[in-house]
Protein backbone atom coordinates (compact mmCIF):
# COMPACT_ATOMS: atom_id res chain seq x y z
CA MET A 1 65.69 -31.79 107.05
CA ASP A 2 64.28 -34.43 109.38
CA GLN A 3 64.89 -38.07 108.47
CA GLN A 4 62.59 -39.12 111.29
CA ARG A 5 59.60 -37.87 109.29
CA PHE A 6 60.37 -40.56 106.72
CA GLU A 7 60.89 -43.20 109.39
CA ASN A 8 57.52 -42.30 110.94
CA LEU A 9 55.65 -42.77 107.68
CA ASP A 10 53.10 -45.50 107.26
CA VAL A 11 54.86 -48.71 106.23
CA ARG A 12 53.15 -48.69 102.85
CA ALA A 13 54.33 -45.14 102.13
CA LYS A 14 57.95 -46.09 102.86
CA GLU A 15 57.58 -49.24 100.81
CA ASN A 16 56.44 -47.07 97.90
CA ALA A 17 59.76 -45.18 97.89
CA VAL A 18 61.69 -48.46 97.99
CA ARG A 19 59.46 -49.99 95.31
CA PHE A 20 60.19 -47.13 92.90
CA TYR A 21 63.90 -47.49 93.67
CA THR A 22 63.83 -51.23 92.97
CA SER A 23 61.79 -50.71 89.82
CA GLY A 24 64.19 -48.03 88.59
CA VAL A 25 67.18 -50.31 89.00
CA ALA A 26 65.38 -53.24 87.37
CA ARG A 27 64.23 -51.21 84.35
CA PHE A 28 67.40 -49.22 83.78
CA ASP A 29 69.34 -51.62 81.55
CA GLN A 30 66.45 -52.18 79.13
CA SER A 31 65.01 -48.68 79.32
CA PRO A 32 67.29 -46.05 80.91
CA MET A 33 64.65 -43.33 80.74
CA ASP A 34 61.97 -45.41 82.45
CA GLY A 35 64.54 -46.47 85.04
CA PHE A 36 65.46 -42.85 85.68
CA ASP A 37 61.77 -41.88 85.96
CA ASP A 38 61.20 -44.46 88.69
CA LEU A 39 64.43 -43.65 90.51
CA TRP A 40 63.46 -39.96 90.58
CA ARG A 41 60.02 -40.85 91.93
CA SER A 42 61.70 -42.78 94.73
CA PHE A 43 64.01 -39.89 95.57
CA ASN A 44 61.14 -37.41 95.36
CA ASN A 45 59.06 -39.51 97.77
CA TRP A 46 61.92 -39.42 100.24
CA PHE A 47 62.97 -35.77 100.06
CA SER A 48 59.42 -34.44 100.00
CA CYS A 49 58.96 -36.22 103.32
CA VAL A 50 62.17 -35.21 105.12
CA THR A 51 62.08 -31.54 104.11
CA ASP A 52 59.68 -28.95 105.46
CA ALA A 53 58.49 -27.36 102.21
CA ASP A 54 55.60 -27.88 99.80
CA ARG A 55 57.15 -27.59 96.33
CA ASP A 56 59.99 -29.49 94.67
CA SER A 57 62.09 -26.36 94.21
CA ALA A 58 61.86 -25.35 97.88
CA GLN A 59 62.46 -28.93 98.99
CA LEU A 60 65.61 -29.16 96.87
CA ARG A 61 66.91 -25.87 98.28
CA GLU A 62 66.37 -27.17 101.80
CA LEU A 63 68.06 -30.47 100.93
CA ALA A 64 71.06 -28.69 99.41
CA ALA A 65 71.42 -26.51 102.53
CA ASP A 66 71.29 -29.41 104.98
CA ARG A 67 74.61 -30.04 106.77
CA GLY A 68 74.08 -33.79 106.95
CA MET A 69 73.36 -34.00 103.23
CA GLN A 70 76.39 -31.83 102.51
CA GLN A 71 78.59 -34.13 104.61
CA LEU A 72 77.21 -37.15 102.78
CA PHE A 73 78.00 -35.52 99.43
CA ASP A 74 81.51 -34.55 100.57
CA ASP A 75 82.17 -38.10 101.75
CA LEU A 76 81.15 -39.45 98.36
CA TRP A 77 83.24 -36.88 96.51
CA ASN A 78 86.33 -37.47 98.64
CA ASN A 79 86.16 -41.23 99.12
CA ASP A 80 84.21 -42.76 96.25
CA ASN A 81 86.28 -42.62 93.07
CA LEU A 82 83.47 -43.98 90.91
CA PHE A 83 81.02 -41.35 92.17
CA ARG A 84 83.55 -38.58 91.51
CA GLU A 85 84.25 -39.89 87.98
CA GLN A 86 80.55 -40.21 87.19
CA LEU A 87 79.74 -36.77 88.55
CA LEU A 88 82.56 -35.15 86.60
CA GLU A 89 81.35 -36.88 83.45
CA PHE A 90 77.82 -35.65 84.15
CA SER A 91 79.04 -32.12 84.84
CA ASP A 92 80.82 -32.09 81.46
CA GLU A 93 77.29 -31.86 80.04
CA TRP A 94 76.31 -28.80 82.11
CA PRO A 95 74.54 -26.48 81.96
CA ILE A 96 71.38 -28.36 81.11
CA TYR A 97 68.91 -26.08 79.40
CA ASP A 98 65.20 -26.12 80.14
CA SER A 99 63.79 -27.62 76.98
CA SER A 100 60.50 -25.76 77.44
CA SER A 101 62.29 -22.42 77.38
CA ILE A 102 64.12 -23.45 74.17
CA LEU A 103 60.75 -24.28 72.65
CA GLU A 104 59.29 -20.94 73.72
CA GLN A 105 62.31 -18.95 72.54
CA TYR A 106 62.99 -20.66 69.23
CA GLY A 107 59.78 -22.48 68.35
CA PRO A 108 58.97 -26.12 67.64
CA GLY A 109 61.39 -28.04 65.49
CA PHE A 110 64.40 -25.87 66.37
CA ALA A 111 66.24 -28.57 68.32
CA SER A 112 65.67 -31.13 65.55
CA LYS A 113 67.80 -29.02 63.20
CA PHE A 114 70.91 -30.21 65.04
CA SER A 115 72.32 -33.71 64.79
CA THR A 116 74.02 -33.61 68.21
CA ARG A 117 73.45 -31.98 71.55
CA VAL A 118 76.82 -30.20 71.25
CA GLU A 119 75.68 -28.46 68.06
CA LEU A 120 72.48 -27.33 69.78
CA LEU A 121 74.40 -26.01 72.79
CA ILE A 122 76.73 -24.02 70.55
CA ALA A 123 73.72 -22.45 68.81
CA ILE A 124 72.03 -21.35 72.04
CA GLU A 125 75.11 -20.58 74.15
CA GLY A 126 74.89 -17.29 75.99
CA ASP A 127 71.20 -16.70 75.31
CA PRO A 128 70.02 -14.89 78.47
CA GLY A 129 66.39 -15.75 77.74
CA LEU A 130 66.89 -19.46 78.36
CA LYS A 131 66.55 -21.19 81.70
CA LYS A 132 69.29 -23.60 82.64
CA SER A 133 70.70 -25.58 85.54
CA PRO A 134 73.02 -25.07 87.26
CA ARG A 135 72.50 -21.36 86.66
CA ASN A 136 76.05 -20.12 87.24
CA TRP A 137 78.02 -23.18 86.22
CA VAL A 138 81.73 -22.62 85.44
CA PRO A 139 83.01 -25.42 83.19
CA GLY A 140 85.90 -27.32 84.73
CA SER A 141 85.01 -26.48 88.33
CA ASN A 142 84.12 -29.09 90.94
CA PRO A 143 80.37 -29.64 91.18
CA THR A 144 78.66 -28.74 94.44
CA LEU A 145 75.78 -30.60 96.06
CA SER A 146 73.36 -27.84 95.08
CA GLN A 147 74.53 -27.79 91.46
CA THR A 148 74.29 -31.57 91.27
CA LEU A 149 70.74 -31.67 92.62
CA TRP A 150 69.56 -28.91 90.30
CA ALA A 151 71.19 -30.53 87.25
CA ILE A 152 69.49 -33.85 88.01
CA TYR A 153 66.23 -32.01 88.59
CA GLN A 154 66.52 -30.29 85.20
CA VAL A 155 67.00 -33.67 83.53
CA ARG A 156 63.89 -34.80 85.40
CA CYS A 157 61.89 -31.75 84.26
CA ASN A 158 62.95 -32.15 80.64
CA ARG A 159 62.13 -35.84 80.82
CA PHE A 160 58.78 -35.55 82.57
CA HIS A 161 57.60 -32.79 80.25
CA GLY A 162 58.31 -34.90 77.18
CA ARG A 163 61.47 -33.21 75.92
CA LYS A 164 63.84 -36.17 76.17
CA SER A 165 63.50 -38.96 73.64
CA ALA A 166 64.53 -42.60 74.00
CA HIS A 167 65.33 -42.47 70.27
CA VAL A 168 67.95 -39.71 70.61
CA GLU A 169 71.34 -41.03 71.69
CA ASP A 170 72.47 -37.79 73.37
CA ASP A 171 69.25 -37.66 75.41
CA VAL A 172 69.66 -41.25 76.57
CA ARG A 173 73.28 -40.64 77.55
CA LEU A 174 72.38 -37.57 79.62
CA VAL A 175 69.68 -39.53 81.45
CA GLN A 176 72.14 -42.39 82.07
CA LEU A 177 74.65 -39.98 83.58
CA ALA A 178 72.01 -38.41 85.82
CA PHE A 179 70.86 -41.87 86.93
CA SER A 180 74.40 -42.99 87.80
CA VAL A 181 74.93 -39.99 90.09
CA LEU A 182 71.47 -40.06 91.64
CA ILE A 183 71.59 -43.74 92.54
CA ARG A 184 74.87 -43.34 94.38
CA LEU A 185 73.42 -40.43 96.35
CA ILE A 186 70.37 -42.51 97.24
CA ASP A 187 72.50 -45.48 98.26
CA LYS A 188 74.58 -43.23 100.48
CA VAL A 189 71.47 -41.74 102.11
CA GLY A 190 70.30 -45.31 102.69
CA TYR A 191 66.53 -44.86 102.80
CA ALA A 192 66.09 -47.72 100.31
CA THR A 193 66.66 -50.57 102.70
CA THR A 194 67.99 -53.03 100.13
CA PRO A 195 70.04 -50.93 97.72
CA ALA A 196 71.10 -52.71 94.58
CA GLU A 197 74.52 -52.49 93.03
CA SER A 198 74.90 -49.29 91.03
CA PRO A 199 75.36 -49.70 87.28
């Protein structure tokens, strides 16, 4: 990972990452999902620049393996009580299943049979044919940087591919939790030059 690649970007390109950050914060209270979408775009602009890979998945693996990023995460975990509380609350929702694989495995309308996310998770628990993140999550364990990044990314994938609804309370809550963790990571990285107060 090379932060200098971001610093060397054209001013407008850097401003784009900050603009999405600012927009995400501004939109979050009224529309958590739109706020999360913009915040992810900001983060994606940054990490696609500082890593040396072409695809999101490879970029996230490189980010998770970076010593500086690991130290940043450890500092947050050890010294920021709010971050730790928010991350533990988010990890209580793990694993996050790939909604496209649920659709492929069980067909359209399957998820709508359940009134809560918990009921859905009970119904699909242990199905080896479903993709999920983090892959080898052990409930009750402390989340790692890699697990955290992949869980947020799965929320992003489910959201961007139209499988999270602003009309479903459980979906909104999951997006809010992902947002709260992601924004604190971004603020700690510091690439958004005027970070706003986290919600």
